[in-house]
Amino acid sequence: MDTAPPTAPIAPPPAGTPTWPPTMIAVPMLVSGICNVLTALGWGSTCLLAFVGLPCLALGIVELVTYGNGASFDRRAYLDRAKLLGILAICSVLFGNVPSLVCGIVILTQLPAARTQA
């Protein structure tokens, strides 16, 4: 039996400390990533137009990976990536993904506030 010592619980950050990545950027990115993957699966279910879903699938995976690794990114690099992903999320409306359009708009409108927090 392995008797490893228990790890200490992680203490919450002090009150007033801003969280990183900002929730106003991270949550719309998560929702947009999920919607992009679901849109890609919808397009993939049509045999003749399955290739149309590939850009949505790639964008969804990148958004989900960025959401998952957001705390390990440099703050400036994270915000620059969020700007690019917000623009691409708006462009994904061309594939019929309206929720991602809304999330992209939210990301781009919240970026100035997140830059002042960084």
C-alpha atoms as a PDB file:
ATOM      1  CA  MET A   1       0.000   0.000   0.000  1.00  0.00           C
ATOM      2  CA  ASP A   2       1.192   3.472  -0.874  1.00  0.00           C
ATOM      3  CA  THR A   3       0.970   5.792   2.093  1.00  0.00           C
ATOM      4  CA  ALA A   4       1.606   9.163   0.511  1.00  0.00           C
ATOM      5  CA  PRO A   5       1.143  12.120   2.822  1.00  0.00           C
ATOM      6  CA  PRO A   6      -2.075  14.037   2.255  1.00  0.00           C
ATOM      7  CA  THR A   7      -1.737  17.241   0.316  1.00  0.00           C
ATOM      8  CA  ALA A   8      -2.722  20.486   1.924  1.00  0.00           C
ATOM      9  CA  PRO A   9      -5.968  22.010   0.677  1.00  0.00           C
ATOM     10  CA  ILE A  10      -5.594  24.927  -1.682  1.00  0.00           C
ATOM     11  CA  ALA A  11      -6.468  28.132   0.069  1.00  0.00           C
ATOM     12  CA  PRO A  12      -8.864  30.475  -1.734  1.00  0.00           C
ATOM     13  CA  PRO A  13      -7.351  33.739  -2.957  1.00  0.00           C
ATOM     14  CA  PRO A  14      -7.688  36.730  -0.659  1.00  0.00           C
ATOM     15  CA  ALA A  15     -10.823  38.814  -1.007  1.00  0.00           C
ATOM     16  CA  GLY A  16     -10.564  41.464  -3.702  1.00  0.00           C
ATOM     17  CA  THR A  17      -8.015  39.499  -5.745  1.00  0.00           C
ATOM     18  CA  PRO A  18      -9.174  39.244  -9.382  1.00  0.00           C
ATOM     19  CA  THR A  19      -9.398  35.718 -10.754  1.00  0.00           C
ATOM     20  CA  TRP A  20      -7.460  34.730 -13.836  1.00  0.00           C
ATOM     21  CA  PRO A  21      -8.599  34.112 -16.514  1.00  0.00           C
ATOM     22  CA  PRO A  22     -11.429  36.606 -16.194  1.00  0.00           C
ATOM     23  CA  THR A  23     -14.828  34.945 -15.969  1.00  0.00           C
ATOM     24  CA  MET A  24     -16.278  37.481 -18.401  1.00  0.00           C
ATOM     25  CA  ILE A  25     -13.922  36.093 -21.079  1.00  0.00           C
ATOM     26  CA  ALA A  26     -13.590  32.440 -20.054  1.00  0.00           C
ATOM     27  CA  VAL A  27     -17.271  31.485 -19.784  1.00  0.00           C
ATOM     28  CA  PRO A  28     -18.286  32.776 -23.253  1.00  0.00           C
ATOM     29  CA  MET A  29     -15.210  31.029 -24.658  1.00  0.00           C
ATOM     30  CA  LEU A  30     -16.319  27.746 -23.069  1.00  0.00           C
ATOM     31  CA  VAL A  31     -19.892  28.121 -24.366  1.00  0.00           C
ATOM     32  CA  SER A  32     -18.639  29.036 -27.828  1.00  0.00           C
ATOM     33  CA  GLY A  33     -16.292  26.035 -27.889  1.00  0.00           C
ATOM     34  CA  ILE A  34     -19.091  23.663 -26.940  1.00  0.00           C
ATOM     35  CA  CYS A  35     -21.428  25.188 -29.545  1.00  0.00           C
ATOM     36  CA  ASN A  36     -18.739  24.916 -32.227  1.00  0.00           C
ATOM     37  CA  VAL A  37     -18.169  21.230 -31.477  1.00  0.00           C
ATOM     38  CA  LEU A  38     -21.923  20.566 -31.548  1.00  0.00           C
ATOM     39  CA  THR A  39     -22.247  22.459 -34.840  1.00  0.00           C
ATOM     40  CA  ALA A  40     -19.409  20.395 -36.298  1.00  0.00           C
ATOM     41  CA  LEU A  41     -21.127  17.202 -35.170  1.00  0.00           C
ATOM     42  CA  GLY A  42     -24.342  18.413 -36.795  1.00  0.00           C
ATOM     43  CA  TRP A  43     -22.603  19.085 -40.083  1.00  0.00           C
ATOM     44  CA  GLY A  44     -20.731  15.784 -39.750  1.00  0.00           C
ATOM     45  CA  SER A  45     -24.023  13.912 -39.597  1.00  0.00           C
ATOM     46  CA  THR A  46     -24.719  14.947 -43.185  1.00  0.00           C
ATOM     47  CA  CYS A  47     -22.533  12.704 -45.285  1.00  0.00           C
ATOM     48  CA  LEU A  48     -22.204  15.036 -48.268  1.00  0.00           C
ATOM     49  CA  LEU A  49     -21.396  18.215 -46.312  1.00  0.00           C
ATOM     50  CA  ALA A  50     -19.275  16.736 -43.509  1.00  0.00           C
ATOM     51  CA  PHE A  51     -16.259  18.806 -44.571  1.00  0.00           C
ATOM     52  CA  VAL A  52     -18.180  22.031 -43.747  1.00  0.00           C
ATOM     53  CA  GLY A  53     -17.998  21.164 -40.037  1.00  0.00           C
ATOM     54  CA  LEU A  54     -14.217  20.840 -39.938  1.00  0.00           C
ATOM     55  CA  PRO A  55     -13.485  24.567 -39.338  1.00  0.00           C
ATOM     56  CA  CYS A  56     -16.050  24.622 -36.513  1.00  0.00           C
ATOM     57  CA  LEU A  57     -14.521  21.509 -34.993  1.00  0.00           C
ATOM     58  CA  ALA A  58     -11.015  22.991 -35.110  1.00  0.00           C
ATOM     59  CA  LEU A  59     -12.195  26.292 -33.627  1.00  0.00           C
ATOM     60  CA  GLY A  60     -14.159  24.496 -30.916  1.00  0.00           C
ATOM     61  CA  ILE A  61     -11.168  22.387 -29.898  1.00  0.00           C
ATOM     62  CA  VAL A  62      -8.868  25.424 -29.756  1.00  0.00           C
ATOM     63  CA  GLU A  63     -11.413  27.335 -27.651  1.00  0.00           C
ATOM     64  CA  LEU A  64     -11.840  24.442 -25.228  1.00  0.00           C
ATOM     65  CA  VAL A  65      -8.070  23.967 -24.891  1.00  0.00           C
ATOM     66  CA  THR A  66      -7.627  27.696 -24.317  1.00  0.00           C
ATOM     67  CA  TYR A  67     -10.350  27.624 -21.684  1.00  0.00           C
ATOM     68  CA  GLY A  68      -8.775  24.630 -19.956  1.00  0.00           C
ATOM     69  CA  ASN A  69      -5.246  26.044 -19.938  1.00  0.00           C
ATOM     70  CA  GLY A  70      -6.199  29.671 -19.329  1.00  0.00           C
ATOM     71  CA  ALA A  71      -4.499  29.927 -15.954  1.00  0.00           C
ATOM     72  CA  SER A  72      -1.149  28.790 -17.377  1.00  0.00           C
ATOM     73  CA  PHE A  73      -1.089  31.365 -20.197  1.00  0.00           C
ATOM     74  CA  ASP A  74       0.715  34.661 -19.976  1.00  0.00           C
ATOM     75  CA  ARG A  75      -1.964  37.307 -19.435  1.00  0.00           C
ATOM     76  CA  ARG A  76      -1.175  39.289 -22.556  1.00  0.00           C
ATOM     77  CA  ALA A  77      -0.962  36.161 -24.710  1.00  0.00           C
ATOM     78  CA  TYR A  78      -4.284  34.925 -23.322  1.00  0.00           C
ATOM     79  CA  LEU A  79      -6.044  38.195 -24.134  1.00  0.00           C
ATOM     80  CA  ASP A  80      -4.530  38.297 -27.623  1.00  0.00           C
ATOM     81  CA  ARG A  81      -5.717  34.740 -28.233  1.00  0.00           C
ATOM     82  CA  ALA A  82      -9.156  35.608 -26.829  1.00  0.00           C
ATOM     83  CA  LYS A  83      -9.404  38.493 -29.306  1.00  0.00           C
ATOM     84  CA  LEU A  84      -8.576  36.213 -32.240  1.00  0.00           C
ATOM     85  CA  LEU A  85     -10.963  33.512 -31.037  1.00  0.00           C
ATOM     86  CA  GLY A  86     -13.712  36.097 -30.535  1.00  0.00           C
ATOM     87  CA  ILE A  87     -13.333  37.267 -34.120  1.00  0.00           C
ATOM     88  CA  LEU A  88     -13.350  33.681 -35.414  1.00  0.00           C
ATOM     89  CA  ALA A  89     -16.403  32.897 -33.269  1.00  0.00           C
ATOM     90  CA  ILE A  90     -18.246  35.750 -34.958  1.00  0.00           C
ATOM     91  CA  CYS A  91     -17.213  34.384 -38.352  1.00  0.00           C
ATOM     92  CA  SER A  92     -18.550  30.946 -37.433  1.00  0.00           C
ATOM     93  CA  VAL A  93     -22.082  32.271 -37.988  1.00  0.00           C
ATOM     94  CA  LEU A  94     -21.379  31.476 -41.646  1.00  0.00           C
ATOM     95  CA  PHE A  95     -21.733  27.806 -40.653  1.00  0.00           C
ATOM     96  CA  GLY A  96     -25.024  28.415 -38.850  1.00  0.00           C
ATOM     97  CA  ASN A  97     -23.618  28.825 -35.345  1.00  0.00           C
ATOM     98  CA  VAL A  98     -25.568  31.734 -33.839  1.00  0.00           C
ATOM     99  CA  PRO A  99     -24.684  31.071 -30.145  1.00  0.00           C
ATOM    100  CA  SER A 100     -21.007  31.328 -31.027  1.00  0.00           C
ATOM    101  CA  LEU A 101     -21.708  34.671 -32.714  1.00  0.00           C
ATOM    102  CA  VAL A 102     -23.215  35.987 -29.479  1.00  0.00           C
ATOM    103  CA  CYS A 103     -20.316  34.645 -27.420  1.00  0.00           C
ATOM    104  CA  GLY A 104     -17.785  36.210 -29.800  1.00  0.00           C
ATOM    105  CA  ILE A 105     -19.472  39.586 -29.431  1.00  0.00           C
ATOM    106  CA  VAL A 106     -19.454  39.236 -25.640  1.00  0.00           C
ATOM    107  CA  ILE A 107     -15.759  38.325 -25.650  1.00  0.00           C
ATOM    108  CA  LEU A 108     -14.815  41.306 -27.807  1.00  0.00           C
ATOM    109  CA  THR A 109     -16.883  43.761 -25.773  1.00  0.00           C
ATOM    110  CA  GLN A 110     -15.380  42.532 -22.486  1.00  0.00           C
ATOM    111  CA  LEU A 111     -11.742  42.585 -23.625  1.00  0.00           C
ATOM    112  CA  PRO A 112     -11.059  46.246 -22.656  1.00  0.00           C
ATOM    113  CA  ALA A 113     -12.207  45.577 -19.076  1.00  0.00           C
ATOM    114  CA  ALA A 114     -10.094  42.420 -18.938  1.00  0.00           C
ATOM    115  CA  ARG A 115      -7.037  44.313 -20.204  1.00  0.00           C
ATOM    116  CA  THR A 116      -7.345  46.814 -17.350  1.00  0.00           C
ATOM    117  CA  GLN A 117      -7.613  43.884 -14.910  1.00  0.00           C
ATOM    118  CA  ALA A 118      -4.464  42.267 -16.310  1.00  0.00           C
END
